[in-house]
Amino acid sequence: MKEKEELLKEIETLISYGKEGQTINPELLQYLEIKDLESIKASLLRKVGILSEDDKEWLEQFKKYD
């Protein structure tokens, strides 16, 4: 359950980056499976390529290297 909570926090942070207020109700994300949350997070991280260098540096903190 801790992994899911961690993913939820990371996704919420990624979604709301650069915006004021929440952009999605985090309670809705709780109903998704871990694999779905990981897919959402990966999709958000792929968008790093279209961001400024400062934004890329900020987002790097969410990447996990194996």
Protein backbone atom coordinates (compact mmCIF):
# COMPACT_ATOMS: atom_id res chain seq x y z
CA MET A 1 0.00 0.00 0.00
CA LYS A 2 2.94 2.33 0.69
CA GLU A 3 4.07 2.03 -2.95
CA LYS A 4 0.62 3.12 -4.12
CA GLU A 5 0.57 6.10 -1.74
CA GLU A 6 4.00 7.13 -2.97
CA LEU A 7 2.91 6.90 -6.60
CA LEU A 8 -0.23 8.91 -5.85
CA LYS A 9 1.82 11.72 -4.30
CA GLU A 10 4.29 11.75 -7.19
CA ILE A 11 1.52 11.80 -9.81
CA GLU A 12 -0.32 14.57 -8.01
CA THR A 13 2.89 16.62 -7.88
CA LEU A 14 3.65 15.99 -11.56
CA ILE A 15 0.13 16.89 -12.66
CA SER A 16 -0.06 20.07 -10.62
CA TYR A 17 3.47 21.28 -11.50
CA GLY A 18 3.34 24.89 -12.67
CA LYS A 19 -0.33 25.25 -11.86
CA GLU A 20 -2.09 26.65 -8.86
CA GLY A 21 -4.45 24.32 -7.07
CA GLN A 22 -5.23 20.72 -7.81
CA THR A 23 -5.84 19.67 -11.39
CA ILE A 24 -7.27 16.26 -10.51
CA ASN A 25 -8.89 14.87 -7.43
CA PRO A 26 -6.29 12.52 -5.89
CA GLU A 27 -9.08 10.41 -4.46
CA LEU A 28 -9.99 9.34 -8.00
CA LEU A 29 -6.48 8.00 -8.57
CA GLN A 30 -6.77 5.76 -5.50
CA TYR A 31 -9.11 3.45 -7.41
CA LEU A 32 -6.46 2.65 -10.03
CA GLU A 33 -4.14 -0.33 -9.86
CA ILE A 34 -0.38 0.05 -9.33
CA LYS A 35 0.37 -0.74 -13.00
CA ASP A 36 -2.07 1.97 -14.12
CA LEU A 37 -0.48 4.51 -11.76
CA GLU A 38 3.00 3.57 -12.99
CA SER A 39 1.82 4.06 -16.57
CA ILE A 40 0.39 7.50 -15.74
CA LYS A 41 3.63 8.51 -14.03
CA ALA A 42 5.71 7.27 -16.98
CA SER A 43 3.53 9.21 -19.40
CA LEU A 44 3.95 12.39 -17.38
CA LEU A 45 7.71 11.89 -17.21
CA ARG A 46 7.91 11.41 -21.01
CA LYS A 47 6.66 14.96 -21.38
CA VAL A 48 9.93 16.14 -19.86
CA GLY A 49 11.33 16.50 -23.38
CA ILE A 50 9.10 19.49 -24.11
CA LEU A 51 9.88 21.34 -20.90
CA SER A 52 12.52 23.92 -20.09
CA GLU A 53 15.84 22.86 -18.60
CA ASP A 54 14.74 24.10 -15.14
CA ASP A 55 11.60 22.01 -15.37
CA LYS A 56 13.61 18.97 -16.46
CA GLU A 57 15.91 19.31 -13.46
CA TRP A 58 12.90 19.54 -11.13
CA LEU A 59 11.28 16.46 -12.66
CA GLU A 60 14.47 14.38 -12.44
CA GLN A 61 13.77 13.87 -8.74
CA PHE A 62 10.87 11.60 -9.65
CA LYS A 63 12.81 9.25 -11.90
CA LYS A 64 13.91 5.93 -10.50
CA TYR A 65 16.97 4.26 -11.92
CA ASP A 66 17.36 0.51 -11.71
